[in-house]
N, C-alpha and C. Protein backbone atom coordinates (compact mmCIF):
# COMPACT_ATOMS: atom_id res chain seq x y z
N MET A 1 50.21 -243.37 -38.62
CA MET A 1 50.06 -242.27 -39.13
C MET A 1 48.44 -243.21 -39.70
N ALA A 2 47.67 -242.12 -40.02
CA ALA A 2 45.82 -242.21 -40.31
C ALA A 2 45.77 -243.26 -41.64
N TYR A 3 45.09 -243.32 -41.86
CA TYR A 3 44.39 -244.03 -42.69
C TYR A 3 43.95 -243.07 -44.02
N ARG A 4 44.18 -242.40 -44.60
CA ARG A 4 43.35 -241.30 -45.10
C ARG A 4 44.59 -240.60 -46.72
N CYS A 5 43.84 -240.59 -47.54
CA CYS A 5 44.31 -240.28 -48.91
C CYS A 5 45.21 -239.04 -48.45
N ASP A 6 46.70 -239.59 -49.36
CA ASP A 6 47.18 -237.82 -48.67
C ASP A 6 46.86 -236.63 -50.43
N LEU A 7 45.84 -236.83 -50.64
CA LEU A 7 45.52 -235.71 -51.70
C LEU A 7 44.77 -235.39 -51.51
N CYS A 8 43.12 -236.34 -51.17
CA CYS A 8 41.83 -235.46 -51.29
C CYS A 8 41.42 -235.58 -50.35
N ASP A 9 42.13 -236.24 -49.38
CA ASP A 9 41.73 -236.23 -47.37
C ASP A 9 41.19 -236.97 -47.91
N LYS A 10 40.67 -238.11 -48.63
CA LYS A 10 39.67 -239.07 -48.40
C LYS A 10 40.14 -239.94 -47.05
N LYS A 11 39.36 -240.01 -45.88
CA LYS A 11 39.35 -241.34 -45.12
C LYS A 11 37.85 -242.08 -44.55
N THR A 12 38.28 -243.30 -43.66
CA THR A 12 37.44 -243.47 -42.31
C THR A 12 36.23 -243.16 -42.01
N TYR A 13 35.57 -243.97 -41.79
CA TYR A 13 34.35 -243.23 -41.77
C TYR A 13 32.92 -244.36 -41.19
N ALA A 14 32.35 -243.82 -40.11
CA ALA A 14 31.80 -245.07 -39.31
C ALA A 14 30.26 -245.62 -39.96
N GLY A 15 29.94 -246.17 -40.16
CA GLY A 15 28.18 -246.56 -40.76
C GLY A 15 27.96 -248.01 -40.46
N ARG A 16 26.91 -248.46 -40.07
CA ARG A 16 26.24 -249.20 -39.83
C ARG A 16 26.12 -250.85 -40.92
N GLN A 17 26.08 -251.76 -40.97
CA GLN A 17 25.76 -252.85 -41.50
C GLN A 17 24.27 -253.31 -41.51
N HIS A 18 24.57 -254.39 -42.32
CA HIS A 18 22.96 -254.41 -42.07
C HIS A 18 22.19 -256.08 -42.21
N THR A 19 21.88 -256.70 -41.80
CA THR A 19 21.72 -258.46 -42.01
C THR A 19 21.24 -258.26 -43.51
N HIS A 20 20.94 -259.24 -44.26
CA HIS A 20 20.67 -259.35 -45.90
C HIS A 20 20.12 -261.16 -46.12
N HIS A 21 19.13 -260.73 -45.66
CA HIS A 21 18.30 -262.18 -45.66
C HIS A 21 16.94 -262.64 -46.23
N ALA A 22 16.61 -263.42 -46.49
CA ALA A 22 15.31 -263.21 -47.44
C ALA A 22 14.24 -262.54 -47.25
N GLY A 23 13.76 -263.20 -45.93
CA GLY A 23 13.11 -262.50 -44.83
C GLY A 23 11.18 -263.97 -45.24
N VAL A 24 10.75 -263.29 -44.39
CA VAL A 24 9.35 -264.09 -44.23
C VAL A 24 8.43 -263.62 -45.15
N ALA A 25 7.43 -263.57 -45.16
CA ALA A 25 5.71 -263.11 -45.91
C ALA A 25 5.72 -261.85 -44.86
N GLY A 26 5.68 -260.86 -45.34
CA GLY A 26 5.07 -259.97 -44.57
C GLY A 26 6.46 -258.62 -44.46
N GLY A 27 7.46 -259.22 -44.51
CA GLY A 27 8.98 -258.80 -43.86
C GLY A 27 9.41 -258.48 -42.56
N GLN A 28 8.77 -259.88 -41.97
CA GLN A 28 9.08 -259.62 -40.45
C GLN A 28 10.41 -259.79 -39.83
N TRP A 29 11.06 -259.74 -41.48
CA TRP A 29 12.75 -260.44 -41.10
C TRP A 29 13.62 -259.14 -40.85
N LYS A 30 13.41 -258.09 -41.94
CA LYS A 30 13.75 -256.68 -42.14
C LYS A 30 13.49 -256.13 -40.24
N LYS A 31 12.28 -255.69 -40.03
CA LYS A 31 12.45 -255.44 -38.55
C LYS A 31 13.09 -255.62 -37.19
N ARG A 32 13.48 -256.96 -37.87
CA ARG A 32 13.89 -257.80 -36.48
C ARG A 32 15.83 -257.45 -36.77
N ALA A 33 16.03 -257.20 -38.13
CA ALA A 33 17.87 -257.15 -38.04
C ALA A 33 18.94 -256.23 -37.83
N GLN A 34 19.14 -257.11 -37.01
CA GLN A 34 20.57 -256.62 -36.48
C GLN A 34 21.30 -255.74 -37.57
N LYS A 35 21.41 -254.41 -37.41
CA LYS A 35 22.22 -253.08 -37.41
C LYS A 35 23.50 -252.91 -36.42
N THR A 36 24.96 -253.96 -36.87
CA THR A 36 26.05 -253.46 -36.57
C THR A 36 27.25 -252.62 -37.38
N LEU A 37 27.38 -251.49 -36.56
CA LEU A 37 28.40 -250.57 -36.35
C LEU A 37 29.26 -251.91 -37.48
N ARG A 38 30.15 -251.02 -38.75
CA ARG A 38 31.82 -251.21 -39.30
C ARG A 38 31.86 -249.40 -39.73
N ASP A 39 33.47 -249.61 -39.93
CA ASP A 39 33.91 -248.62 -41.11
C ASP A 39 33.98 -249.17 -42.45
N PHE A 40 34.07 -248.17 -42.97
CA PHE A 40 33.95 -248.11 -44.23
C PHE A 40 35.68 -247.46 -44.68
N ALA A 41 36.51 -248.08 -45.76
CA ALA A 41 37.48 -247.64 -45.49
C ALA A 41 37.37 -246.86 -47.16
N PRO A 42 38.52 -246.24 -47.40
CA PRO A 42 38.87 -245.43 -48.73
C PRO A 42 39.86 -247.02 -49.09
N ASN A 43 39.42 -246.91 -50.94
CA ASN A 43 40.50 -248.11 -50.90
C ASN A 43 42.00 -247.42 -51.45
N LEU A 44 43.41 -247.56 -50.38
CA LEU A 44 44.33 -247.08 -50.63
C LEU A 44 45.81 -247.23 -51.24
N HIS A 45 46.35 -247.43 -52.25
CA HIS A 45 47.53 -248.01 -52.47
C HIS A 45 48.41 -247.24 -52.62
N TYR A 46 50.04 -247.65 -52.05
CA TYR A 46 51.10 -246.62 -52.31
C TYR A 46 50.94 -246.79 -54.29
N ALA A 47 51.77 -245.34 -54.48
CA ALA A 47 51.97 -244.43 -55.87
C ALA A 47 52.97 -244.22 -56.05
N THR A 48 53.57 -243.94 -57.11
CA THR A 48 55.18 -243.05 -57.46
C THR A 48 54.31 -242.34 -58.33
N LEU A 49 54.13 -240.98 -58.17
CA LEU A 49 53.24 -239.79 -59.06
C LEU A 49 54.19 -238.30 -59.67
N PRO A 50 53.73 -238.13 -60.05
CA PRO A 50 54.28 -236.93 -61.17
C PRO A 50 53.88 -235.17 -59.70
N ILE A 51 53.82 -235.21 -58.94
CA ILE A 51 53.41 -233.74 -58.14
C ILE A 51 53.77 -232.90 -58.74
N ASN A 52 53.46 -231.82 -59.06
CA ASN A 52 54.60 -230.55 -59.35
C ASN A 52 55.95 -230.71 -60.07
N GLY A 53 55.42 -231.81 -60.51
CA GLY A 53 57.03 -231.88 -61.81
C GLY A 53 57.89 -233.10 -61.05
N VAL A 54 57.76 -233.67 -59.77
CA VAL A 54 58.30 -234.63 -59.23
C VAL A 54 57.88 -235.75 -58.36
N MET A 55 58.40 -236.77 -58.88
CA MET A 55 57.78 -237.69 -58.97
C MET A 55 57.67 -238.46 -57.92
N THR A 56 57.02 -238.63 -57.17
CA THR A 56 57.15 -238.60 -55.39
C THR A 56 55.92 -240.11 -54.90
N ARG A 57 55.73 -240.36 -53.82
CA ARG A 57 55.23 -241.48 -53.18
C ARG A 57 54.55 -241.07 -52.70
N VAL A 58 53.10 -241.40 -52.80
CA VAL A 58 51.90 -240.56 -52.20
C VAL A 58 51.06 -241.89 -51.80
N ARG A 59 50.51 -242.20 -50.62
CA ARG A 59 49.57 -243.29 -50.17
C ARG A 59 48.22 -243.03 -50.92
N ALA A 60 47.66 -242.78 -51.38
CA ALA A 60 46.12 -242.70 -52.93
C ALA A 60 44.88 -243.52 -52.61
N CYS A 61 44.06 -242.62 -52.66
CA CYS A 61 43.20 -243.14 -53.13
C CYS A 61 43.12 -243.53 -54.47
N THR A 62 42.71 -244.83 -55.39
CA THR A 62 42.64 -245.12 -56.26
C THR A 62 41.92 -244.03 -57.69
N LYS A 63 40.58 -243.58 -56.56
CA LYS A 63 39.62 -242.52 -57.41
C LYS A 63 41.03 -241.38 -58.07
N CYS A 64 42.03 -241.06 -57.23
CA CYS A 64 43.26 -239.91 -57.50
C CYS A 64 44.28 -240.95 -58.26
N ILE A 65 44.35 -241.57 -58.55
CA ILE A 65 45.58 -242.16 -58.81
C ILE A 65 44.84 -242.76 -60.46
N LYS A 66 43.68 -242.74 -60.62
CA LYS A 66 43.33 -243.24 -61.78
C LYS A 66 42.89 -241.48 -62.59
N ARG A 67 42.94 -240.73 -61.38
CA ARG A 67 42.54 -239.05 -62.48
C ARG A 67 44.14 -238.35 -62.68
N ILE A 68 44.66 -238.56 -61.45
CA ILE A 68 46.10 -238.09 -62.70
C ILE A 68 46.39 -238.97 -63.62
N LYS A 69 45.62 -240.04 -63.40
CA LYS A 69 47.52 -240.82 -64.48
C LYS A 69 46.16 -240.57 -65.69
N PHE A 70 44.91 -240.44 -66.36
CA PHE A 70 44.11 -239.71 -66.78
C PHE A 70 44.57 -238.68 -67.25
N ASP A 71 44.41 -237.48 -66.39
CA ASP A 71 45.42 -236.37 -66.52
C ASP A 71 46.42 -236.08 -67.10
N LEU A 72 47.59 -237.14 -67.13
CA LEU A 72 48.66 -236.85 -67.62
C LEU A 72 49.12 -238.02 -68.79
N LYS A 73 47.77 -238.48 -69.44
CA LYS A 73 47.96 -239.60 -70.24
C LYS A 73 47.18 -238.11 -71.21
N LYS A 74 45.53 -237.47 -70.76
CA LYS A 74 45.19 -236.44 -71.52
C LYS A 74 46.19 -235.01 -72.18
N ASN A 75 47.37 -234.61 -71.02
CA ASN A 75 48.16 -233.68 -71.72
C ASN A 75 49.11 -234.38 -72.54
N THR A 76 49.78 -235.08 -71.78
CA THR A 76 50.54 -235.44 -73.26
C THR A 76 50.00 -235.53 -74.74
N ALA A 77 49.12 -235.62 -74.73
CA ALA A 77 48.28 -236.60 -76.54
C ALA A 77 48.00 -235.66 -77.05
N ALA A 78 48.05 -233.91 -76.09
CA ALA A 78 48.01 -233.13 -77.01
C ALA A 78 49.00 -232.07 -77.64
């Protein structure tokens, strides 16, 4: 199973991480610092959410979970 959000299709992507170091005078360290590959993964959680009126267990990112809970709260208050 792919590591992706069931609602917005957010998934992992590759990038580079840069070594953070105080450096030396003239910024010489930043020119020599290694840049290694890494994966950036979404913050996924299993959540039971109402989708089309049916409670469904989905694997969703926290942004989607917050959005759905906010929309539910807004619709029930009105």
